[in-house]
Amino acid sequence: MLDLYNNKYDRETLKKNIYAVKLIDILKTQHIDVTFAVRYILNKKYQLHSEDNITEQMVLFYQPHISKMCLILESALYSPEDDSADDFETISRKK
């Protein structure tokens, strides 16, 4: 299990563990880019916990290096085919 509050992780590590942690914890503790925010943090497909009902305003608050314009632009350009992490069912079957 990742220790988000005491360690910083790279994008690949966060992506590989996306179902093992709460997205709100990633948002509050890690430095993420706008693409990661749109594809994973704001994506309802990955929001499994009630605390993970994350809005664009929350992303902008916890990740002040991300501008509102970049977030809007990335959201507009985002396509679900861009997702590169396996779905929850596939991940849960791996040992």
N, C-alpha and C. Protein backbone atom coordinates (compact mmCIF):
# COMPACT_ATOMS: atom_id res chain seq x y z
N MET A 1 0.85 -1.19 0.00
CA MET A 1 0.00 0.00 0.00
C MET A 1 0.89 1.24 0.00
N LEU A 2 0.49 2.21 -0.77
CA LEU A 2 1.26 3.45 -0.85
C LEU A 2 1.03 4.30 0.39
N ASP A 3 2.06 4.98 0.83
CA ASP A 3 1.97 5.92 1.95
C ASP A 3 1.98 7.33 1.36
N LEU A 4 0.83 7.76 0.91
CA LEU A 4 0.71 9.04 0.20
C LEU A 4 1.06 10.25 1.05
N TYR A 5 0.81 10.14 2.35
CA TYR A 5 1.03 11.30 3.22
C TYR A 5 2.49 11.49 3.62
N ASN A 6 3.32 10.46 3.41
CA ASN A 6 4.73 10.57 3.78
C ASN A 6 5.69 10.42 2.62
N ASN A 7 5.19 10.07 1.44
CA ASN A 7 6.05 9.86 0.27
C ASN A 7 5.42 10.48 -0.97
N LYS A 8 6.29 10.84 -1.90
CA LYS A 8 5.84 11.32 -3.22
C LYS A 8 6.07 10.20 -4.21
N TYR A 9 5.11 10.01 -5.11
CA TYR A 9 5.18 8.93 -6.09
C TYR A 9 5.07 9.49 -7.50
N ASP A 10 5.67 8.77 -8.43
CA ASP A 10 5.59 9.19 -9.82
C ASP A 10 4.24 8.79 -10.42
N ARG A 11 3.98 9.31 -11.57
CA ARG A 11 2.70 9.09 -12.27
C ARG A 11 2.42 7.61 -12.48
N GLU A 12 3.43 6.84 -12.92
CA GLU A 12 3.23 5.40 -13.19
C GLU A 12 2.83 4.65 -11.93
N THR A 13 3.48 4.95 -10.82
CA THR A 13 3.16 4.29 -9.55
C THR A 13 1.74 4.63 -9.13
N LEU A 14 1.36 5.89 -9.24
CA LEU A 14 0.00 6.29 -8.88
C LEU A 14 -1.02 5.60 -9.78
N LYS A 15 -0.72 5.55 -11.06
CA LYS A 15 -1.63 4.93 -12.02
C LYS A 15 -1.80 3.44 -11.72
N LYS A 16 -0.70 2.75 -11.43
CA LYS A 16 -0.76 1.32 -11.15
C LYS A 16 -1.53 1.01 -9.87
N ASN A 17 -1.58 1.97 -8.95
CA ASN A 17 -2.24 1.77 -7.67
C ASN A 17 -3.54 2.56 -7.54
N ILE A 18 -4.10 2.95 -8.66
CA ILE A 18 -5.25 3.86 -8.66
C ILE A 18 -6.45 3.30 -7.88
N TYR A 19 -6.62 1.97 -7.87
CA TYR A 19 -7.74 1.37 -7.14
C TYR A 19 -7.39 1.05 -5.69
N ALA A 20 -6.15 1.20 -5.30
CA ALA A 20 -5.72 0.85 -3.95
C ALA A 20 -5.72 2.04 -3.00
N VAL A 21 -5.93 3.22 -3.52
CA VAL A 21 -5.89 4.44 -2.70
C VAL A 21 -7.12 5.29 -3.00
N LYS A 22 -7.38 6.22 -2.12
CA LYS A 22 -8.46 7.17 -2.36
C LYS A 22 -7.93 8.31 -3.23
N LEU A 23 -8.70 8.68 -4.21
CA LEU A 23 -8.29 9.75 -5.12
C LEU A 23 -8.11 11.07 -4.39
N ILE A 24 -8.94 11.31 -3.39
CA ILE A 24 -8.82 12.56 -2.63
C ILE A 24 -7.47 12.63 -1.94
N ASP A 25 -6.94 11.48 -1.51
CA ASP A 25 -5.62 11.46 -0.88
C ASP A 25 -4.52 11.76 -1.89
N ILE A 26 -4.66 11.24 -3.10
CA ILE A 26 -3.71 11.59 -4.17
C ILE A 26 -3.77 13.09 -4.41
N LEU A 27 -4.97 13.60 -4.56
CA LEU A 27 -5.16 15.02 -4.85
C LEU A 27 -4.54 15.91 -3.78
N LYS A 28 -4.71 15.55 -2.52
CA LYS A 28 -4.22 16.36 -1.40
C LYS A 28 -2.71 16.25 -1.18
N THR A 29 -2.10 15.12 -1.54
CA THR A 29 -0.73 14.88 -1.12
C THR A 29 0.31 14.80 -2.24
N GLN A 30 -0.11 14.57 -3.47
CA GLN A 30 0.83 14.35 -4.56
C GLN A 30 0.80 15.52 -5.53
N HIS A 31 1.89 15.71 -6.24
CA HIS A 31 1.97 16.72 -7.29
C HIS A 31 1.60 16.02 -8.60
N ILE A 32 0.42 16.32 -9.12
CA ILE A 32 -0.05 15.66 -10.34
C ILE A 32 -0.15 16.66 -11.47
N ASP A 33 -0.15 16.14 -12.69
CA ASP A 33 -0.30 17.03 -13.85
C ASP A 33 -1.77 17.08 -14.27
N VAL A 34 -2.08 17.99 -15.15
CA VAL A 34 -3.46 18.21 -15.56
C VAL A 34 -4.04 16.99 -16.26
N THR A 35 -3.24 16.28 -17.02
CA THR A 35 -3.72 15.07 -17.70
C THR A 35 -4.13 14.01 -16.69
N PHE A 36 -3.31 13.80 -15.68
CA PHE A 36 -3.63 12.83 -14.63
C PHE A 36 -4.91 13.24 -13.90
N ALA A 37 -5.04 14.53 -13.65
CA ALA A 37 -6.23 15.03 -12.96
C ALA A 37 -7.51 14.72 -13.75
N VAL A 38 -7.46 14.94 -15.05
CA VAL A 38 -8.65 14.71 -15.88
C VAL A 38 -8.90 13.22 -16.08
N ARG A 39 -7.88 12.47 -16.43
CA ARG A 39 -8.06 11.04 -16.75
C ARG A 39 -8.40 10.19 -15.54
N TYR A 40 -7.90 10.55 -14.37
CA TYR A 40 -8.09 9.70 -13.20
C TYR A 40 -8.84 10.38 -12.06
N ILE A 41 -8.37 11.52 -11.61
CA ILE A 41 -8.95 12.16 -10.43
C ILE A 41 -10.39 12.59 -10.68
N LEU A 42 -10.68 13.17 -11.83
CA LEU A 42 -12.03 13.65 -12.13
C LEU A 42 -12.90 12.60 -12.84
N ASN A 43 -12.33 11.48 -13.16
CA ASN A 43 -13.04 10.43 -13.89
C ASN A 43 -13.90 9.61 -12.92
N LYS A 44 -15.20 9.63 -13.11
CA LYS A 44 -16.14 8.92 -12.22
C LYS A 44 -15.85 7.42 -12.17
N LYS A 45 -15.25 6.88 -13.20
CA LYS A 45 -14.92 5.46 -13.26
C LYS A 45 -13.97 5.04 -12.13
N TYR A 46 -13.14 5.96 -11.67
CA TYR A 46 -12.16 5.66 -10.64
C TYR A 46 -12.59 6.15 -9.26
N GLN A 47 -13.68 6.86 -9.17
CA GLN A 47 -14.14 7.41 -7.90
C GLN A 47 -14.98 6.38 -7.16
N LEU A 48 -14.29 5.51 -6.42
CA LEU A 48 -14.94 4.39 -5.74
C LEU A 48 -15.40 4.71 -4.32
N HIS A 49 -14.80 5.69 -3.69
CA HIS A 49 -15.10 6.03 -2.30
C HIS A 49 -15.97 7.29 -2.25
N SER A 50 -16.80 7.40 -1.25
CA SER A 50 -17.67 8.57 -1.13
C SER A 50 -16.85 9.86 -1.04
N GLU A 51 -15.66 9.78 -0.44
CA GLU A 51 -14.79 10.96 -0.33
C GLU A 51 -14.21 11.38 -1.67
N ASP A 52 -14.32 10.51 -2.67
CA ASP A 52 -13.74 10.77 -3.97
C ASP A 52 -14.69 11.47 -4.94
N ASN A 53 -15.72 12.09 -4.45
CA ASN A 53 -16.62 12.87 -5.29
C ASN A 53 -15.94 14.23 -5.53
N ILE A 54 -14.94 14.22 -6.40
CA ILE A 54 -14.04 15.35 -6.58
C ILE A 54 -14.52 16.24 -7.73
N THR A 55 -14.44 17.54 -7.50
CA THR A 55 -14.85 18.52 -8.50
C THR A 55 -13.63 19.24 -9.08
N GLU A 56 -13.86 19.95 -10.17
CA GLU A 56 -12.78 20.74 -10.77
C GLU A 56 -12.27 21.79 -9.78
N GLN A 57 -13.16 22.36 -8.99
CA GLN A 57 -12.75 23.37 -8.01
C GLN A 57 -11.80 22.77 -6.98
N MET A 58 -12.04 21.52 -6.59
CA MET A 58 -11.15 20.86 -5.63
C MET A 58 -9.78 20.63 -6.25
N VAL A 59 -9.75 20.23 -7.51
CA VAL A 59 -8.46 20.04 -8.20
C VAL A 59 -7.68 21.35 -8.20
N LEU A 60 -8.34 22.44 -8.55
CA LEU A 60 -7.68 23.74 -8.61
C LEU A 60 -7.19 24.19 -7.23
N PHE A 61 -7.93 23.85 -6.18
CA PHE A 61 -7.54 24.22 -4.82
C PHE A 61 -6.31 23.44 -4.36
N TYR A 62 -6.33 22.12 -4.52
CA TYR A 62 -5.25 21.27 -4.02
C TYR A 62 -4.05 21.19 -4.96
N GLN A 63 -4.22 21.56 -6.21
CA GLN A 63 -3.13 21.54 -7.19
C GLN A 63 -3.02 22.94 -7.82
N PRO A 64 -2.54 23.90 -7.05
CA PRO A 64 -2.54 25.30 -7.53
C PRO A 64 -1.68 25.55 -8.77
N HIS A 65 -0.81 24.63 -9.13
CA HIS A 65 -0.01 24.78 -10.35
C HIS A 65 -0.83 24.49 -11.61
N ILE A 66 -2.02 23.90 -11.44
CA ILE A 66 -2.91 23.63 -12.58
C ILE A 66 -3.84 24.83 -12.75
N SER A 67 -3.84 25.40 -13.92
CA SER A 67 -4.71 26.55 -14.17
C SER A 67 -6.10 26.07 -14.59
N LYS A 68 -7.07 26.92 -14.37
CA LYS A 68 -8.44 26.60 -14.76
C LYS A 68 -8.53 26.41 -16.28
N MET A 69 -7.84 27.24 -17.03
CA MET A 69 -7.88 27.14 -18.48
C MET A 69 -7.28 25.81 -18.95
N CYS A 70 -6.18 25.38 -18.36
CA CYS A 70 -5.56 24.09 -18.73
C CYS A 70 -6.50 22.94 -18.40
N LEU A 71 -7.16 23.03 -17.27
CA LEU A 71 -8.09 21.98 -16.86
C LEU A 71 -9.28 21.90 -17.83
N ILE A 72 -9.81 23.04 -18.22
CA ILE A 72 -10.92 23.09 -19.17
C ILE A 72 -10.48 22.53 -20.52
N LEU A 73 -9.32 22.94 -20.98
CA LEU A 73 -8.82 22.48 -22.27
C LEU A 73 -8.56 20.98 -22.26
N GLU A 74 -7.91 20.48 -21.23
CA GLU A 74 -7.63 19.05 -21.14
C GLU A 74 -8.92 18.25 -21.05
N SER A 75 -9.90 18.75 -20.33
CA SER A 75 -11.20 18.07 -20.23
C SER A 75 -11.88 18.00 -21.59
N ALA A 76 -11.78 19.07 -22.35
CA ALA A 76 -12.39 19.11 -23.68
C ALA A 76 -11.70 18.15 -24.64
N LEU A 77 -10.40 17.97 -24.49
CA LEU A 77 -9.63 17.11 -25.39
C LEU A 77 -9.63 15.65 -24.96
N TYR A 78 -10.07 15.38 -23.74
CA TYR A 78 -10.02 14.02 -23.19
C TYR A 78 -11.00 13.08 -23.91
N SER A 79 -10.52 11.88 -24.19
CA SER A 79 -11.34 10.83 -24.77
C SER A 79 -11.19 9.59 -23.91
N PRO A 80 -12.28 8.89 -23.59
CA PRO A 80 -12.17 7.68 -22.77
C PRO A 80 -11.22 6.63 -23.35
N GLU A 81 -11.01 6.66 -24.65
CA GLU A 81 -10.05 5.72 -25.25
C GLU A 81 -8.63 5.99 -24.79
N ASP A 82 -8.39 7.18 -24.22
CA ASP A 82 -7.06 7.52 -23.73
C ASP A 82 -6.71 6.83 -22.42
N ASP A 83 -7.71 6.27 -21.74
CA ASP A 83 -7.46 5.60 -20.47
C ASP A 83 -6.50 4.44 -20.67
N SER A 84 -5.51 4.35 -19.80
CA SER A 84 -4.53 3.29 -19.97
C SER A 84 -4.45 2.35 -18.78
N ALA A 85 -5.24 2.57 -17.76
CA ALA A 85 -5.25 1.65 -16.62
C ALA A 85 -6.36 0.63 -16.83
N ASP A 86 -6.12 -0.57 -16.35
CA ASP A 86 -7.14 -1.60 -16.43
C ASP A 86 -8.33 -1.22 -15.57
N ASP A 87 -9.49 -1.80 -15.88
CA ASP A 87 -10.66 -1.54 -15.07
C ASP A 87 -10.56 -2.29 -13.74
N PHE A 88 -11.43 -1.96 -12.81
CA PHE A 88 -11.38 -2.52 -11.47
C PHE A 88 -11.48 -4.04 -11.48
N GLU A 89 -12.35 -4.60 -12.29
CA GLU A 89 -12.52 -6.05 -12.35
C GLU A 89 -11.23 -6.74 -12.78
N THR A 90 -10.57 -6.20 -13.78
CA THR A 90 -9.30 -6.79 -14.25
C THR A 90 -8.24 -6.71 -13.16
N ILE A 91 -8.13 -5.57 -12.51
CA ILE A 91 -7.14 -5.39 -11.43
C ILE A 91 -7.43 -6.34 -10.28
N SER A 92 -8.68 -6.49 -9.90
CA SER A 92 -9.03 -7.31 -8.73
C SER A 92 -8.75 -8.78 -8.96
N ARG A 93 -8.67 -9.23 -10.20
CA ARG A 93 -8.39 -10.63 -10.51
C ARG A 93 -6.90 -10.96 -10.52
N LYS A 94 -6.05 -9.92 -10.56
CA LYS A 94 -4.61 -10.14 -10.58
C LYS A 94 -4.13 -10.51 -9.18
N LYS A 95 -3.10 -11.32 -9.14
CA LYS A 95 -2.53 -11.69 -7.82
C LYS A 95 -1.14 -11.16 -7.70
